[in-house]
Amino acid sequence: MGCAVYLENQVHKREYAGSEVSEKFSLILAESGEGGLLRYVDPYGDTIFNVPQLYDLIEEVNDISAASPEVREAANLVIEVIWRVIRRRGYLAILGD
């Protein structure tokens, strides 16, 4: 089971972030707790985060990285992708299996 990460523009045209980003996102997701936005990621469905939510998601991923240094590299890559989405004023889409 895994997630596929996509960047979406304002009209929801999707661009696959790549297998490495998707794998790194899954590592972050595995380290997430009961709180935060990551609890809403559906492993079998689609989850979409908008720009205001993405600012909170950056904080959450940073907190995970601080608590679990082994995922710091993964967190940095995921945050880089989140910033790309924010600059485009789009959406981060997570598609489950």
N, C-alpha and C. Protein backbone atom coordinates (compact mmCIF):
# COMPACT_ATOMS: atom_id res chain seq x y z
N MET A 1 0.84 -1.18 0.00
CA MET A 1 0.00 0.00 0.00
C MET A 1 0.88 1.23 0.00
N GLY A 2 0.54 2.21 -0.80
CA GLY A 2 1.29 3.44 -0.86
C GLY A 2 0.42 4.57 -1.35
N CYS A 3 1.00 5.74 -1.34
CA CYS A 3 0.30 6.92 -1.81
C CYS A 3 1.03 7.50 -3.00
N ALA A 4 0.29 8.09 -3.90
CA ALA A 4 0.87 8.81 -5.02
C ALA A 4 0.61 10.29 -4.79
N VAL A 5 1.65 11.09 -4.91
CA VAL A 5 1.57 12.52 -4.65
C VAL A 5 1.51 13.28 -5.97
N TYR A 6 0.55 14.20 -6.06
CA TYR A 6 0.37 15.02 -7.25
C TYR A 6 0.29 16.49 -6.87
N LEU A 7 0.80 17.33 -7.74
CA LEU A 7 0.61 18.77 -7.63
C LEU A 7 -0.53 19.12 -8.57
N GLU A 8 -1.44 19.95 -8.10
CA GLU A 8 -2.56 20.36 -8.95
C GLU A 8 -2.54 21.87 -9.10
N ASN A 9 -2.90 22.35 -10.29
CA ASN A 9 -3.02 23.79 -10.46
C ASN A 9 -4.42 24.22 -10.03
N GLN A 10 -4.75 25.47 -10.29
CA GLN A 10 -6.03 26.01 -9.82
C GLN A 10 -7.25 25.40 -10.49
N VAL A 11 -7.06 24.77 -11.63
CA VAL A 11 -8.19 24.11 -12.29
C VAL A 11 -8.06 22.59 -12.19
N HIS A 12 -7.25 22.15 -11.22
CA HIS A 12 -7.08 20.75 -10.85
C HIS A 12 -6.43 19.87 -11.91
N LYS A 13 -5.64 20.48 -12.78
CA LYS A 13 -4.82 19.68 -13.69
C LYS A 13 -3.67 19.12 -12.88
N ARG A 14 -3.50 17.79 -12.92
CA ARG A 14 -2.53 17.11 -12.06
C ARG A 14 -1.20 16.86 -12.74
N GLU A 15 -0.16 16.98 -11.92
CA GLU A 15 1.20 16.65 -12.33
C GLU A 15 1.78 15.72 -11.27
N TYR A 16 2.18 14.54 -11.68
CA TYR A 16 2.74 13.55 -10.74
C TYR A 16 4.05 14.08 -10.18
N ALA A 17 4.19 14.05 -8.87
CA ALA A 17 5.40 14.55 -8.21
C ALA A 17 6.57 13.57 -8.35
N GLY A 18 6.29 12.33 -8.68
CA GLY A 18 7.33 11.33 -8.87
C GLY A 18 7.33 10.26 -7.80
N SER A 19 7.92 9.14 -8.13
CA SER A 19 7.91 8.01 -7.20
C SER A 19 8.71 8.29 -5.94
N GLU A 20 9.82 9.04 -6.06
CA GLU A 20 10.61 9.34 -4.86
C GLU A 20 9.82 10.19 -3.88
N VAL A 21 9.13 11.20 -4.37
CA VAL A 21 8.31 12.05 -3.49
C VAL A 21 7.21 11.23 -2.86
N SER A 22 6.58 10.37 -3.63
CA SER A 22 5.50 9.54 -3.10
C SER A 22 6.02 8.60 -2.01
N GLU A 23 7.19 8.02 -2.23
CA GLU A 23 7.79 7.14 -1.21
C GLU A 23 8.14 7.91 0.06
N LYS A 24 8.72 9.10 -0.12
CA LYS A 24 9.11 9.93 1.04
C LYS A 24 7.87 10.39 1.80
N PHE A 25 6.82 10.73 1.06
CA PHE A 25 5.57 11.14 1.72
C PHE A 25 5.03 9.99 2.56
N SER A 26 5.10 8.78 2.05
CA SER A 26 4.61 7.62 2.80
C SER A 26 5.41 7.42 4.09
N LEU A 27 6.72 7.71 4.06
CA LEU A 27 7.53 7.64 5.28
C LEU A 27 7.06 8.66 6.32
N ILE A 28 6.79 9.86 5.86
CA ILE A 28 6.29 10.91 6.76
C ILE A 28 4.93 10.52 7.32
N LEU A 29 4.08 10.02 6.46
CA LEU A 29 2.74 9.60 6.88
C LEU A 29 2.82 8.53 7.96
N ALA A 30 3.75 7.59 7.82
CA ALA A 30 3.90 6.52 8.80
C ALA A 30 4.34 7.04 10.16
N GLU A 31 5.02 8.18 10.19
CA GLU A 31 5.49 8.77 11.44
C GLU A 31 4.49 9.73 12.06
N SER A 32 3.43 10.05 11.34
CA SER A 32 2.46 11.02 11.85
C SER A 32 1.63 10.42 12.97
N GLY A 33 1.14 11.28 13.82
CA GLY A 33 0.33 10.83 14.95
C GLY A 33 -1.15 10.98 14.68
N GLU A 34 -1.90 10.99 15.75
CA GLU A 34 -3.36 11.10 15.66
C GLU A 34 -3.83 12.51 15.34
N GLY A 35 -3.03 13.51 15.67
CA GLY A 35 -3.42 14.90 15.43
C GLY A 35 -2.89 15.39 14.10
N GLY A 36 -3.25 16.58 13.74
CA GLY A 36 -2.73 17.19 12.53
C GLY A 36 -3.51 16.81 11.29
N LEU A 37 -3.11 17.44 10.21
CA LEU A 37 -3.80 17.22 8.94
C LEU A 37 -3.54 15.86 8.32
N LEU A 38 -2.39 15.29 8.60
CA LEU A 38 -2.07 14.00 7.98
C LEU A 38 -3.03 12.89 8.40
N ARG A 39 -3.72 13.08 9.50
CA ARG A 39 -4.69 12.04 9.92
C ARG A 39 -5.85 11.93 8.93
N TYR A 40 -6.01 12.95 8.10
CA TYR A 40 -7.10 12.94 7.12
C TYR A 40 -6.73 12.26 5.81
N VAL A 41 -5.47 11.87 5.65
CA VAL A 41 -5.07 11.21 4.41
C VAL A 41 -5.69 9.81 4.40
N ASP A 42 -6.49 9.57 3.37
CA ASP A 42 -7.18 8.29 3.22
C ASP A 42 -6.30 7.35 2.40
N PRO A 43 -5.84 6.24 2.99
CA PRO A 43 -4.95 5.34 2.26
C PRO A 43 -5.62 4.65 1.07
N TYR A 44 -6.93 4.72 0.97
CA TYR A 44 -7.65 4.06 -0.12
C TYR A 44 -8.39 5.04 -1.03
N GLY A 45 -8.33 6.30 -0.71
CA GLY A 45 -9.06 7.30 -1.49
C GLY A 45 -8.17 8.49 -1.80
N ASP A 46 -8.80 9.57 -2.18
CA ASP A 46 -8.08 10.79 -2.54
C ASP A 46 -8.21 11.82 -1.42
N THR A 47 -7.12 12.51 -1.16
CA THR A 47 -7.09 13.59 -0.17
C THR A 47 -6.44 14.79 -0.84
N ILE A 48 -7.08 15.95 -0.73
CA ILE A 48 -6.55 17.15 -1.36
C ILE A 48 -6.41 18.24 -0.30
N PHE A 49 -5.22 18.87 -0.29
CA PHE A 49 -4.94 19.98 0.62
C PHE A 49 -4.84 21.28 -0.18
N ASN A 50 -5.49 22.34 0.33
CA ASN A 50 -5.42 23.64 -0.32
C ASN A 50 -4.28 24.46 0.30
N VAL A 51 -4.04 25.65 -0.23
CA VAL A 51 -2.90 26.45 0.20
C VAL A 51 -2.94 26.78 1.69
N PRO A 52 -4.05 27.26 2.26
CA PRO A 52 -4.02 27.53 3.70
C PRO A 52 -3.67 26.29 4.53
N GLN A 53 -4.17 25.14 4.13
CA GLN A 53 -3.85 23.90 4.83
C GLN A 53 -2.38 23.53 4.66
N LEU A 54 -1.80 23.86 3.52
CA LEU A 54 -0.41 23.50 3.25
C LEU A 54 0.56 24.21 4.18
N TYR A 55 0.25 25.43 4.59
CA TYR A 55 1.10 26.11 5.57
C TYR A 55 1.12 25.33 6.89
N ASP A 56 -0.04 24.85 7.31
CA ASP A 56 -0.11 24.02 8.52
C ASP A 56 0.59 22.69 8.31
N LEU A 57 0.49 22.15 7.10
CA LEU A 57 1.13 20.87 6.80
C LEU A 57 2.65 21.00 6.87
N ILE A 58 3.20 22.13 6.45
CA ILE A 58 4.64 22.35 6.57
C ILE A 58 5.06 22.28 8.03
N GLU A 59 4.32 22.94 8.89
CA GLU A 59 4.63 22.89 10.33
C GLU A 59 4.56 21.46 10.86
N GLU A 60 3.56 20.74 10.44
CA GLU A 60 3.38 19.36 10.89
C GLU A 60 4.55 18.48 10.43
N VAL A 61 4.94 18.62 9.19
CA VAL A 61 6.06 17.82 8.67
C VAL A 61 7.35 18.20 9.37
N ASN A 62 7.54 19.48 9.65
CA ASN A 62 8.71 19.92 10.41
C ASN A 62 8.72 19.31 11.81
N ASP A 63 7.57 19.26 12.44
CA ASP A 63 7.47 18.66 13.78
C ASP A 63 7.81 17.16 13.73
N ILE A 64 7.33 16.48 12.71
CA ILE A 64 7.64 15.06 12.55
C ILE A 64 9.14 14.87 12.35
N SER A 65 9.72 15.73 11.54
CA SER A 65 11.16 15.66 11.27
C SER A 65 11.98 15.88 12.55
N ALA A 66 11.55 16.81 13.38
CA ALA A 66 12.26 17.09 14.64
C ALA A 66 12.14 15.91 15.61
N ALA A 67 10.99 15.26 15.60
CA ALA A 67 10.77 14.14 16.52
C ALA A 67 11.39 12.84 16.00
N SER A 68 11.54 12.72 14.70
CA SER A 68 12.06 11.50 14.08
C SER A 68 13.15 11.89 13.08
N PRO A 69 14.37 12.12 13.55
CA PRO A 69 15.44 12.57 12.64
C PRO A 69 15.72 11.64 11.46
N GLU A 70 15.34 10.38 11.57
CA GLU A 70 15.59 9.45 10.47
C GLU A 70 14.76 9.77 9.23
N VAL A 71 13.72 10.60 9.38
CA VAL A 71 12.91 10.98 8.23
C VAL A 71 13.16 12.43 7.80
N ARG A 72 14.23 13.02 8.31
CA ARG A 72 14.52 14.43 8.00
C ARG A 72 14.70 14.66 6.50
N GLU A 73 15.42 13.78 5.83
CA GLU A 73 15.62 13.93 4.38
C GLU A 73 14.28 13.84 3.65
N ALA A 74 13.46 12.89 4.06
CA ALA A 74 12.14 12.74 3.44
C ALA A 74 11.30 13.99 3.69
N ALA A 75 11.37 14.51 4.91
CA ALA A 75 10.60 15.70 5.26
C ALA A 75 11.03 16.90 4.41
N ASN A 76 12.32 17.06 4.22
CA ASN A 76 12.82 18.18 3.42
C ASN A 76 12.30 18.11 1.98
N LEU A 77 12.28 16.93 1.41
CA LEU A 77 11.78 16.77 0.05
C LEU A 77 10.29 17.06 -0.03
N VAL A 78 9.53 16.55 0.92
CA VAL A 78 8.09 16.79 0.94
C VAL A 78 7.79 18.28 1.10
N ILE A 79 8.53 18.94 1.98
CA ILE A 79 8.32 20.38 2.19
C ILE A 79 8.66 21.16 0.92
N GLU A 80 9.69 20.75 0.22
CA GLU A 80 10.06 21.40 -1.04
C GLU A 80 8.90 21.31 -2.04
N VAL A 81 8.27 20.15 -2.11
CA VAL A 81 7.13 19.97 -3.02
C VAL A 81 5.95 20.82 -2.56
N ILE A 82 5.72 20.87 -1.27
CA ILE A 82 4.61 21.69 -0.75
C ILE A 82 4.81 23.15 -1.12
N TRP A 83 6.04 23.65 -1.00
CA TRP A 83 6.32 25.05 -1.39
C TRP A 83 6.08 25.27 -2.88
N ARG A 84 6.37 24.29 -3.70
CA ARG A 84 6.08 24.41 -5.14
C ARG A 84 4.59 24.59 -5.37
N VAL A 85 3.79 23.83 -4.64
CA VAL A 85 2.34 23.93 -4.76
C VAL A 85 1.86 25.31 -4.30
N ILE A 86 2.39 25.77 -3.17
CA ILE A 86 1.98 27.08 -2.64
C ILE A 86 2.31 28.19 -3.64
N ARG A 87 3.50 28.15 -4.22
CA ARG A 87 3.88 29.18 -5.19
C ARG A 87 2.95 29.18 -6.41
N ARG A 88 2.42 28.02 -6.75
CA ARG A 88 1.49 27.92 -7.89
C ARG A 88 0.05 28.22 -7.48
N ARG A 89 -0.17 28.39 -6.18
CA ARG A 89 -1.51 28.62 -5.63
C ARG A 89 -2.46 27.49 -6.00
N GLY A 90 -1.93 26.27 -5.90
CA GLY A 90 -2.71 25.10 -6.29
C GLY A 90 -3.08 24.23 -5.12
N TYR A 91 -2.99 22.92 -5.35
CA TYR A 91 -3.42 21.92 -4.37
C TYR A 91 -2.41 20.79 -4.35
N LEU A 92 -2.27 20.16 -3.20
CA LEU A 92 -1.49 18.93 -3.07
C LEU A 92 -2.49 17.79 -3.00
N ALA A 93 -2.41 16.88 -3.95
CA ALA A 93 -3.34 15.75 -4.00
C ALA A 93 -2.60 14.48 -3.64
N ILE A 94 -3.16 13.71 -2.72
CA ILE A 94 -2.61 12.43 -2.30
C ILE A 94 -3.62 11.36 -2.72
N LEU A 95 -3.19 10.48 -3.61
CA LEU A 95 -4.09 9.43 -4.10
C LEU A 95 -3.68 8.10 -3.47
N GLY A 96 -4.61 7.48 -2.77
CA GLY A 96 -4.35 6.19 -2.15
C GLY A 96 -4.51 5.05 -3.12
N ASP A 97 -4.20 3.87 -2.65
CA ASP A 97 -4.32 2.66 -3.49
C ASP A 97 -5.75 2.28 -3.71
